[in-house]
N, C-alpha and C. Protein backbone atom coordinates (compact mmCIF):
# COMPACT_ATOMS: atom_id res chain seq x y z
N UNK A 1 0.84 -1.19 0.00
CA UNK A 1 0.00 0.00 0.00
C UNK A 1 0.89 1.25 0.00
N UNK A 2 0.54 2.21 -0.81
CA UNK A 2 1.31 3.45 -0.94
C UNK A 2 1.25 4.28 0.33
N UNK A 3 2.38 4.90 0.67
CA UNK A 3 2.44 5.77 1.84
C UNK A 3 2.43 7.23 1.39
N UNK A 4 1.77 8.08 2.16
CA UNK A 4 1.69 9.51 1.86
C UNK A 4 2.56 10.28 2.85
N UNK A 5 2.72 11.56 2.59
CA UNK A 5 3.47 12.40 3.52
C UNK A 5 2.83 12.44 4.89
N UNK A 6 1.51 12.51 4.92
CA UNK A 6 0.79 12.55 6.21
C UNK A 6 1.03 11.26 7.00
N UNK A 7 0.96 10.12 6.32
CA UNK A 7 1.17 8.83 7.00
C UNK A 7 2.62 8.69 7.46
N UNK A 8 3.55 9.22 6.68
CA UNK A 8 4.96 9.17 7.06
C UNK A 8 5.20 9.96 8.34
N UNK A 9 4.57 11.12 8.47
CA UNK A 9 4.71 11.94 9.68
C UNK A 9 4.22 11.16 10.89
N UNK A 10 3.09 10.48 10.77
CA UNK A 10 2.54 9.70 11.88
C UNK A 10 3.52 8.59 12.26
N UNK A 11 4.04 7.88 11.25
CA UNK A 11 4.99 6.81 11.53
C UNK A 11 6.27 7.35 12.18
N UNK A 12 6.82 8.43 11.65
CA UNK A 12 8.06 8.99 12.19
C UNK A 12 7.86 9.49 13.62
N UNK A 13 6.68 9.99 13.93
CA UNK A 13 6.38 10.40 15.31
C UNK A 13 6.38 9.21 16.26
N UNK A 14 6.11 8.02 15.73
CA UNK A 14 6.07 6.82 16.56
C UNK A 14 7.45 6.23 16.83
N UNK A 15 8.48 6.71 16.14
CA UNK A 15 9.84 6.19 16.34
C UNK A 15 10.79 7.31 16.75
N UNK A 16 10.33 8.15 17.65
CA UNK A 16 11.14 9.29 18.09
C UNK A 16 12.40 8.90 18.84
N UNK A 17 12.53 7.65 19.21
CA UNK A 17 13.77 7.20 19.83
C UNK A 17 14.88 7.01 18.78
N UNK A 18 14.49 6.96 17.50
CA UNK A 18 15.44 6.75 16.40
C UNK A 18 15.66 7.99 15.54
N UNK A 19 14.70 8.87 15.54
CA UNK A 19 14.71 10.00 14.59
C UNK A 19 14.07 11.22 15.24
N UNK A 20 14.49 12.40 14.81
CA UNK A 20 13.94 13.62 15.37
C UNK A 20 13.52 14.56 14.23
N UNK A 21 12.40 15.24 14.44
CA UNK A 21 12.00 16.30 13.52
C UNK A 21 13.03 17.40 13.64
N UNK A 22 13.70 17.70 12.54
CA UNK A 22 14.82 18.65 12.58
C UNK A 22 14.33 20.09 12.33
N UNK A 23 13.79 20.34 11.17
CA UNK A 23 13.33 21.69 10.82
C UNK A 23 12.07 21.63 9.96
N UNK A 24 11.24 22.65 10.12
CA UNK A 24 10.07 22.82 9.26
C UNK A 24 10.28 24.11 8.47
N UNK A 25 10.01 24.05 7.17
CA UNK A 25 10.02 25.26 6.37
C UNK A 25 8.85 26.13 6.81
N UNK A 26 9.02 27.44 6.80
CA UNK A 26 7.97 28.34 7.29
C UNK A 26 6.68 28.26 6.46
N UNK A 27 6.75 27.69 5.27
CA UNK A 27 5.55 27.52 4.45
C UNK A 27 5.00 26.09 4.54
N UNK A 28 5.63 25.24 5.35
CA UNK A 28 5.27 23.82 5.50
C UNK A 28 5.40 23.05 4.19
N UNK A 29 6.22 23.54 3.27
CA UNK A 29 6.45 22.81 2.02
C UNK A 29 7.32 21.59 2.27
N UNK A 30 8.31 21.72 3.15
CA UNK A 30 9.19 20.61 3.50
C UNK A 30 9.42 20.57 5.00
N UNK A 31 9.47 19.36 5.53
CA UNK A 31 9.91 19.11 6.88
C UNK A 31 11.13 18.21 6.78
N UNK A 32 12.14 18.46 7.59
CA UNK A 32 13.31 17.59 7.57
C UNK A 32 13.41 16.82 8.88
N UNK A 33 13.94 15.63 8.75
CA UNK A 33 14.16 14.74 9.89
C UNK A 33 15.63 14.38 9.93
N UNK A 34 16.11 14.12 11.14
CA UNK A 34 17.52 13.76 11.33
C UNK A 34 17.59 12.49 12.17
N UNK A 35 18.38 11.53 11.70
CA UNK A 35 18.57 10.30 12.45
C UNK A 35 19.42 10.59 13.67
N UNK A 36 19.14 9.88 14.75
CA UNK A 36 19.89 10.07 16.00
C UNK A 36 21.17 9.24 16.03
N UNK A 37 21.30 8.27 15.14
CA UNK A 37 22.48 7.41 15.14
C UNK A 37 23.10 7.38 13.74
N UNK A 38 24.15 6.56 13.59
CA UNK A 38 24.85 6.50 12.32
C UNK A 38 25.54 7.81 12.04
N UNK A 39 25.45 8.28 10.82
CA UNK A 39 26.08 9.55 10.43
C UNK A 39 25.10 10.72 10.51
N UNK A 40 24.00 10.49 11.25
CA UNK A 40 22.98 11.53 11.46
C UNK A 40 22.44 12.07 10.13
N UNK A 41 22.15 11.14 9.25
CA UNK A 41 21.59 11.46 7.94
C UNK A 41 20.34 12.31 8.08
N UNK A 42 20.17 13.26 7.16
CA UNK A 42 18.98 14.11 7.12
C UNK A 42 18.19 13.82 5.85
N UNK A 43 16.87 13.87 5.97
CA UNK A 43 16.01 13.76 4.80
C UNK A 43 14.79 14.65 4.99
N UNK A 44 14.17 15.03 3.89
CA UNK A 44 13.03 15.94 3.94
C UNK A 44 11.97 15.53 2.92
N UNK A 45 10.74 15.91 3.22
CA UNK A 45 9.63 15.64 2.30
C UNK A 45 8.49 16.59 2.61
N UNK A 46 7.51 16.62 1.72
CA UNK A 46 6.31 17.43 1.91
C UNK A 46 5.38 16.65 2.84
N UNK A 47 5.07 17.21 4.02
CA UNK A 47 4.29 16.47 5.00
C UNK A 47 2.80 16.34 4.69
N UNK A 48 2.32 17.05 3.71
CA UNK A 48 0.88 17.00 3.42
C UNK A 48 0.54 16.35 2.09
N UNK A 49 1.55 15.87 1.38
CA UNK A 49 1.27 15.26 0.09
C UNK A 49 0.40 14.02 0.24
N UNK A 50 -0.51 13.83 -0.68
CA UNK A 50 -1.40 12.68 -0.62
C UNK A 50 -1.19 11.75 -1.82
N UNK A 51 -0.21 12.06 -2.65
CA UNK A 51 0.02 11.26 -3.86
C UNK A 51 1.20 10.30 -3.74
N UNK A 52 1.96 10.39 -2.68
CA UNK A 52 3.12 9.52 -2.49
C UNK A 52 4.12 10.17 -1.56
N UNK A 53 5.22 9.46 -1.30
CA UNK A 53 6.26 9.98 -0.41
C UNK A 53 7.51 10.20 -1.24
N UNK A 54 7.81 11.46 -1.53
CA UNK A 54 8.92 11.86 -2.39
C UNK A 54 9.97 12.55 -1.51
N UNK A 55 11.02 11.82 -1.19
CA UNK A 55 11.99 12.22 -0.18
C UNK A 55 13.25 12.78 -0.82
N UNK A 56 13.78 13.84 -0.21
CA UNK A 56 15.12 14.35 -0.55
C UNK A 56 16.03 13.97 0.59
N UNK A 57 17.22 13.47 0.26
CA UNK A 57 18.11 12.94 1.29
C UNK A 57 19.55 13.38 1.00
N UNK A 58 20.35 13.47 2.06
CA UNK A 58 21.72 13.97 1.89
C UNK A 58 22.72 12.91 1.43
N UNK A 59 22.39 11.62 1.56
CA UNK A 59 23.28 10.54 1.14
C UNK A 59 22.59 9.67 0.10
N UNK A 60 23.38 8.97 -0.70
CA UNK A 60 22.82 8.13 -1.75
C UNK A 60 21.90 7.06 -1.14
N UNK A 61 20.69 6.94 -1.66
CA UNK A 61 19.75 5.94 -1.13
C UNK A 61 20.22 4.52 -1.46
N UNK A 62 19.89 3.57 -0.58
CA UNK A 62 20.26 2.18 -0.83
C UNK A 62 19.38 1.57 -1.93
N UNK A 63 19.84 0.49 -2.48
CA UNK A 63 19.04 -0.23 -3.47
C UNK A 63 18.27 -1.32 -2.74
N UNK A 64 17.08 -0.97 -2.29
CA UNK A 64 16.22 -1.92 -1.59
C UNK A 64 14.82 -1.85 -2.18
N UNK A 65 14.08 -2.94 -1.97
CA UNK A 65 12.71 -3.00 -2.47
C UNK A 65 11.88 -1.88 -1.85
N UNK A 66 11.06 -1.26 -2.66
CA UNK A 66 10.19 -0.19 -2.18
C UNK A 66 10.73 1.20 -2.36
N UNK A 67 11.98 1.31 -2.84
CA UNK A 67 12.56 2.61 -3.18
C UNK A 67 12.67 2.67 -4.70
N UNK A 68 12.22 3.76 -5.28
CA UNK A 68 12.25 3.88 -6.74
C UNK A 68 12.54 5.32 -7.15
N UNK A 69 12.77 5.50 -8.42
CA UNK A 69 12.98 6.83 -9.02
C UNK A 69 14.09 7.62 -8.34
N UNK A 70 15.21 6.95 -8.06
CA UNK A 70 16.35 7.63 -7.42
C UNK A 70 16.99 8.56 -8.44
N UNK A 71 17.18 9.81 -8.04
CA UNK A 71 17.81 10.81 -8.91
C UNK A 71 18.81 11.62 -8.10
N UNK A 72 19.95 11.90 -8.68
CA UNK A 72 20.91 12.80 -8.05
C UNK A 72 20.48 14.22 -8.39
N UNK A 73 20.24 15.03 -7.38
CA UNK A 73 19.78 16.41 -7.61
C UNK A 73 20.81 17.44 -7.18
N UNK A 74 21.94 16.98 -6.67
CA UNK A 74 23.00 17.90 -6.26
C UNK A 74 23.43 18.76 -7.45
N UNK A 75 23.48 20.07 -7.24
CA UNK A 75 23.89 20.98 -8.30
C UNK A 75 22.77 21.39 -9.24
N UNK A 76 21.60 20.79 -9.09
CA UNK A 76 20.45 21.16 -9.93
C UNK A 76 19.63 22.23 -9.23
N UNK A 77 18.78 22.87 -9.97
CA UNK A 77 17.90 23.88 -9.42
C UNK A 77 16.82 23.19 -8.59
N UNK A 78 16.90 23.34 -7.27
CA UNK A 78 15.92 22.73 -6.38
C UNK A 78 15.20 23.81 -5.59
N UNK A 79 14.14 23.43 -4.94
CA UNK A 79 13.35 24.37 -4.15
C UNK A 79 14.22 25.06 -3.10
N UNK A 80 14.04 26.35 -2.94
CA UNK A 80 14.78 27.08 -1.91
C UNK A 80 14.38 26.62 -0.51
N UNK A 81 13.19 26.03 -0.39
CA UNK A 81 12.75 25.50 0.90
C UNK A 81 13.70 24.41 1.38
N UNK A 82 14.27 23.65 0.47
CA UNK A 82 15.20 22.59 0.87
C UNK A 82 16.43 23.16 1.56
N UNK A 83 16.90 24.31 1.09
CA UNK A 83 18.04 24.95 1.73
C UNK A 83 17.74 25.40 3.14
N UNK A 84 16.47 25.64 3.43
CA UNK A 84 16.08 26.09 4.76
C UNK A 84 15.88 24.95 5.75
N UNK A 85 15.71 23.72 5.27
CA UNK A 85 15.42 22.61 6.19
C UNK A 85 16.58 21.63 6.36
N UNK A 86 17.64 21.78 5.58
CA UNK A 86 18.84 20.96 5.77
C UNK A 86 19.88 21.78 6.52
N UNK A 87 20.75 21.11 7.27
CA UNK A 87 21.76 21.79 8.09
C UNK A 87 22.83 22.49 7.27
N UNK A 88 23.13 21.96 6.10
CA UNK A 88 24.19 22.51 5.26
C UNK A 88 25.45 21.68 5.37
N UNK A 89 26.48 22.10 4.66
CA UNK A 89 27.71 21.31 4.61
C UNK A 89 27.43 19.98 3.93
N UNK A 90 27.71 18.88 4.61
CA UNK A 90 27.42 17.55 4.06
C UNK A 90 25.92 17.27 4.03
N UNK A 91 25.19 17.97 4.88
CA UNK A 91 23.75 17.75 4.99
C UNK A 91 23.00 18.74 4.10
N UNK A 92 22.80 18.33 2.85
CA UNK A 92 21.99 19.10 1.91
C UNK A 92 21.31 18.12 0.98
N UNK A 93 20.30 18.58 0.28
CA UNK A 93 19.53 17.69 -0.60
C UNK A 93 20.40 17.28 -1.79
N UNK A 94 20.88 16.04 -1.77
CA UNK A 94 21.71 15.53 -2.86
C UNK A 94 20.98 14.53 -3.74
N UNK A 95 19.99 13.84 -3.17
CA UNK A 95 19.25 12.81 -3.91
C UNK A 95 17.76 12.96 -3.66
N UNK A 96 17.01 12.47 -4.62
CA UNK A 96 15.56 12.40 -4.50
C UNK A 96 15.18 10.94 -4.71
N UNK A 97 14.25 10.44 -3.93
CA UNK A 97 13.81 9.05 -4.04
C UNK A 97 12.33 8.96 -3.68
N UNK A 98 11.63 8.05 -4.33
CA UNK A 98 10.25 7.77 -3.99
C UNK A 98 10.23 6.56 -3.07
N UNK A 99 9.56 6.69 -1.94
CA UNK A 99 9.41 5.59 -1.00
C UNK A 99 7.98 5.09 -1.12
N UNK A 100 7.86 3.80 -1.46
CA UNK A 100 6.57 3.24 -1.83
C UNK A 100 5.65 2.88 -0.66
N UNK A 101 6.22 2.48 0.49
CA UNK A 101 5.38 2.01 1.58
C UNK A 101 6.11 2.16 2.92
N UNK A 102 5.40 1.87 4.00
CA UNK A 102 5.98 2.04 5.34
C UNK A 102 7.14 1.08 5.58
N UNK A 103 7.06 -0.13 5.08
CA UNK A 103 8.16 -1.09 5.25
C UNK A 103 9.43 -0.57 4.58
N UNK A 104 9.28 0.03 3.41
CA UNK A 104 10.43 0.60 2.71
C UNK A 104 10.97 1.81 3.46
N UNK A 105 10.10 2.62 4.06
CA UNK A 105 10.55 3.76 4.86
C UNK A 105 11.36 3.27 6.05
N UNK A 106 10.90 2.22 6.70
CA UNK A 106 11.64 1.68 7.84
C UNK A 106 12.99 1.11 7.39
N UNK A 107 13.02 0.41 6.26
CA UNK A 107 14.28 -0.13 5.74
C UNK A 107 15.24 0.99 5.36
N UNK A 108 14.71 2.08 4.79
CA UNK A 108 15.47 3.27 4.42
C UNK A 108 16.16 3.84 5.66
N UNK A 109 15.40 4.01 6.74
CA UNK A 109 15.94 4.55 7.98
C UNK A 109 16.97 3.59 8.58
N UNK A 110 16.65 2.31 8.60
CA UNK A 110 17.57 1.30 9.17
C UNK A 110 18.89 1.28 8.43
N UNK A 111 18.84 1.43 7.11
CA UNK A 111 20.08 1.46 6.32
C UNK A 111 20.99 2.60 6.79
N UNK A 112 20.43 3.79 6.92
CA UNK A 112 21.26 4.93 7.31
C UNK A 112 21.72 4.84 8.77
N UNK A 113 20.95 4.18 9.61
CA UNK A 113 21.37 3.98 11.00
C UNK A 113 22.60 3.07 11.07
N UNK A 114 22.73 2.19 10.08
CA UNK A 114 23.85 1.23 10.10
C UNK A 114 25.16 1.81 9.60
N UNK A 115 25.13 3.04 9.08
CA UNK A 115 26.36 3.64 8.54
C UNK A 115 27.28 4.12 9.64
């Protein structure tokens, strides 16, 4: 079953021991989250989207089931909101990926925790 931005927010709120809401854009276009372990990877998405979960992340996404449409966006013209929700330096929107379901979102987070 497809996951939306709203459903992702609910799930991420349930695992606050692993991840923290980092920053919200003042227009609520993007919210960023930061992992508490590993290399403290950051990722962001639109929290109100109802058509899917389209995530921007600072590190290359893993090749796992449920992740699709991986694109490198570093150096491309991206939303200025992304610059406001990432920490900067190594933590900036470098990749875009579609996360298909909650199991894939959990695997995505687990992968970055293992780094």
